[in-house]
C-alpha atoms as a PDB file:
ATOM      1  CA  MET A   1       7.877   9.552  -2.021  1.00  0.00           C
ATOM      2  CA  PRO A   2      11.350   9.050  -3.543  1.00  0.00           C
ATOM      3  CA  ASN A   3      12.785  11.733  -1.264  1.00  0.00           C
ATOM      4  CA  ILE A   4      11.742   9.685   1.768  1.00  0.00           C
ATOM      5  CA  ASN A   5      13.593   6.674   0.381  1.00  0.00           C
ATOM      6  CA  ILE A   6      16.785   8.635  -0.147  1.00  0.00           C
ATOM      7  CA  VAL A   7      16.636  10.251   3.287  1.00  0.00           C
ATOM      8  CA  SER A   8      15.827   6.972   5.054  1.00  0.00           C
ATOM      9  CA  THR A   9      18.715   5.219   3.293  1.00  0.00           C
ATOM     10  CA  PHE A  10      21.227   7.801   4.443  1.00  0.00           C
ATOM     11  CA  ILE A  11      19.749   7.927   7.948  1.00  0.00           C
ATOM     12  CA  GLY A  12      20.076   4.137   8.113  1.00  0.00           C
ATOM     13  CA  VAL A  13      23.733   4.281   7.089  1.00  0.00           C
ATOM     14  CA  LEU A  14      24.434   7.033   9.624  1.00  0.00           C
ATOM     15  CA  ALA A  15      22.609   5.131  12.383  1.00  0.00           C
ATOM     16  CA  ALA A  16      24.639   2.009  11.604  1.00  0.00           C
ATOM     17  CA  TRP A  17      27.788   4.140  11.692  1.00  0.00           C
ATOM     18  CA  VAL A  18      26.978   5.442  15.183  1.00  0.00           C
ATOM     19  CA  ILE A  19      25.992   1.989  16.495  1.00  0.00           C
ATOM     20  CA  ILE A  20      29.098   0.271  15.131  1.00  0.00           C
ATOM     21  CA  ALA A  21      31.302   3.077  16.456  1.00  0.00           C
ATOM     22  CA  ALA A  22      29.724   2.673  19.890  1.00  0.00           C
ATOM     23  CA  VAL A  23      30.273  -1.098  19.848  1.00  0.00           C
ATOM     24  CA  MET A  24      33.882  -0.685  18.675  1.00  0.00           C
ATOM     25  CA  HIS A  25      34.515   1.966  21.336  1.00  0.00           C
ATOM     26  CA  GLY A  26      33.033  -0.302  24.001  1.00  0.00           C
ATOM     27  CA  LEU A  27      35.229  -3.205  22.891  1.00  0.00           C
ATOM     28  CA  SER A  28      38.250  -0.929  22.818  1.00  0.00           C
ATOM     29  CA  SER A  29      37.548   0.279  26.347  1.00  0.00           C
ATOM     30  CA  PHE A  30      36.997  -3.294  27.531  1.00  0.00           C
ATOM     31  CA  PHE A  31      40.438  -4.270  26.274  1.00  0.00           C
ATOM     32  CA  GLY A  32      42.139  -1.229  27.795  1.00  0.00           C
ATOM     33  CA  GLY A  33      41.929   1.280  24.957  1.00  0.00           C
ATOM     34  CA  ARG A  34      42.015   4.954  25.929  1.00  0.00           C
ATOM     35  CA  VAL A  35      40.800   6.697  22.805  1.00  0.00           C
ATOM     36  CA  GLU A  36      38.034   9.291  22.729  1.00  0.00           C
ATOM     37  CA  PHE A  37      34.735   8.273  21.142  1.00  0.00           C
ATOM     38  CA  ARG A  38      35.200  11.004  18.551  1.00  0.00           C
ATOM     39  CA  ARG A  39      38.353   9.292  17.275  1.00  0.00           C
ATOM     40  CA  THR A  40      36.672   5.870  17.149  1.00  0.00           C
ATOM     41  CA  PHE A  41      33.726   7.432  15.325  1.00  0.00           C
ATOM     42  CA  GLU A  42      36.142   8.943  12.809  1.00  0.00           C
ATOM     43  CA  PHE A  43      37.919   5.660  12.067  1.00  0.00           C
ATOM     44  CA  VAL A  44      34.680   3.718  11.715  1.00  0.00           C
ATOM     45  CA  GLY A  45      33.536   6.468   9.359  1.00  0.00           C
ATOM     46  CA  TYR A  46      36.472   5.755   7.064  1.00  0.00           C
ATOM     47  CA  GLY A  47      35.163   2.212   6.781  1.00  0.00           C
ATOM     48  CA  PHE A  48      31.727   3.533   5.822  1.00  0.00           C
ATOM     49  CA  LEU A  49      32.968   5.707   2.952  1.00  0.00           C
ATOM     50  CA  PRO A  50      32.596   2.925   0.356  1.00  0.00           C
ATOM     51  CA  THR A  51      29.047   2.300   1.587  1.00  0.00           C
ATOM     52  CA  LEU A  52      28.136   5.963   1.280  1.00  0.00           C
ATOM     53  CA  VAL A  53      29.624   6.168  -2.218  1.00  0.00           C
ATOM     54  CA  GLY A  54      27.705   3.047  -3.196  1.00  0.00           C
ATOM     55  CA  GLU A  55      24.457   4.504  -1.858  1.00  0.00           C
ATOM     56  CA  VAL A  56      25.003   7.728  -3.789  1.00  0.00           C
ATOM     57  CA  ILE A  57      25.240   5.632  -6.958  1.00  0.00           C
ATOM     58  CA  THR A  58      22.602   2.939  -6.372  1.00  0.00           C
ATOM     59  CA  VAL A  59      19.753   4.922  -4.802  1.00  0.00           C
ATOM     60  CA  PRO A  60      19.211   7.249  -7.782  1.00  0.00           C
ATOM     61  CA  MET A  61      19.575   4.311 -10.192  1.00  0.00           C
ATOM     62  CA  SER A  62      17.028   2.297  -8.213  1.00  0.00           C
ATOM     63  CA  LEU A  63      14.574   5.173  -8.152  1.00  0.00           C
ATOM     64  CA  TYR A  64      15.000   5.719 -11.887  1.00  0.00           C
ATOM     65  CA  TYR A  65      14.426   2.095 -12.897  1.00  0.00           C
ATOM     66  CA  ILE A  66      11.639   1.452 -10.420  1.00  0.00           C
ATOM     67  CA  SER A  67       9.790   4.546 -11.633  1.00  0.00           C
ATOM     68  CA  LYS A  68       9.890   3.115 -15.184  1.00  0.00           C
ATOM     69  CA  VAL A  69       8.045  -0.097 -14.200  1.00  0.00           C
ATOM     70  CA  GLU A  70       4.520  -0.290 -15.545  1.00  0.00           C
ATOM     71  CA  LEU A  71       2.153  -2.504 -13.626  1.00  0.00           C
ATOM     72  CA  PRO A  72      -0.653  -4.127 -15.595  1.00  0.00           C
ATOM     73  CA  LYS A  73      -4.155  -3.567 -14.261  1.00  0.00           C
ATOM     74  CA  LEU A  74      -5.602  -6.702 -12.695  1.00  0.00           C
ATOM     75  CA  THR A  75      -9.116  -7.095 -11.445  1.00  0.00           C
ATOM     76  CA  VAL A  76     -10.107  -9.115  -8.413  1.00  0.00           C
ATOM     77  CA  GLN A  77     -11.928 -11.518 -10.695  1.00  0.00           C
ATOM     78  CA  GLN A  78      -8.786 -12.182 -12.735  1.00  0.00           C
ATOM     79  CA  ILE A  79      -6.803 -12.829  -9.577  1.00  0.00           C
ATOM     80  CA  GLN A  80      -9.451 -15.152  -8.170  1.00  0.00           C
ATOM     81  CA  GLN A  81      -9.742 -17.107 -11.407  1.00  0.00           C
ATOM     82  CA  ASN A  82      -5.996 -17.469 -11.912  1.00  0.00           C
ATOM     83  CA  PRO A  83      -3.749 -16.670  -8.906  1.00  0.00           C
ATOM     84  CA  GLU A  84      -0.703 -17.686 -10.964  1.00  0.00           C
ATOM     85  CA  ILE A  85      -1.125 -14.525 -13.035  1.00  0.00           C
ATOM     86  CA  VAL A  86       0.023 -12.421 -10.072  1.00  0.00           C
ATOM     87  CA  LYS A  87       3.098 -14.594  -9.589  1.00  0.00           C
ATOM     88  CA  LYS A  88       4.017 -14.378 -13.282  1.00  0.00           C
ATOM     89  CA  MET A  89       3.506 -10.616 -13.311  1.00  0.00           C
ATOM     90  CA  MET A  90       5.650 -10.066 -10.209  1.00  0.00           C
ATOM     91  CA  MET A  91       8.423 -12.347 -11.450  1.00  0.00           C
ATOM     92  CA  SER A  92       8.584 -10.546 -14.785  1.00  0.00           C
ATOM     93  CA  ILE A  93       8.809  -7.152 -13.065  1.00  0.00           C
ATOM     94  CA  PHE A  94      11.312  -8.230 -10.422  1.00  0.00           C
ATOM     95  CA  HIS A  95      13.445 -10.112 -12.911  1.00  0.00           C
ATOM     96  CA  GLU A  96      13.773  -7.060 -15.145  1.00  0.00           C
ATOM     97  CA  VAL A  97      14.330  -4.489 -12.389  1.00  0.00           C
ATOM     98  CA  LEU A  98      16.661  -6.645 -10.291  1.00  0.00           C
ATOM     99  CA  PHE A  99      18.739  -7.613 -13.311  1.00  0.00           C
ATOM    100  CA  ILE A 100      19.268  -3.952 -14.160  1.00  0.00           C
ATOM    101  CA  LEU A 101      20.083  -2.959 -10.571  1.00  0.00           C
ATOM    102  CA  ILE A 102      22.455  -5.820  -9.918  1.00  0.00           C
END
């Protein structure tokens, strides 16, 4: 499953790159620009380099820390008797993981 997360993250960044390049190229053409799409795509790509570097760093860290989380076993009866237990459990997990990732 982690491989899907990594692939989908990079596909999302690349899709955003193409979409933003298309929008920028359209705006450029609207205002009289005469640059090829390839050149616009290249310049928008330079703006995405920090994002790609950040993803290369944060995705493996996220996968590492999330894989270390141990979820306590809860029965349906425990949840029905005390729904607050789920909230407390989730907050303790999210607090720890998010603090490390941030």
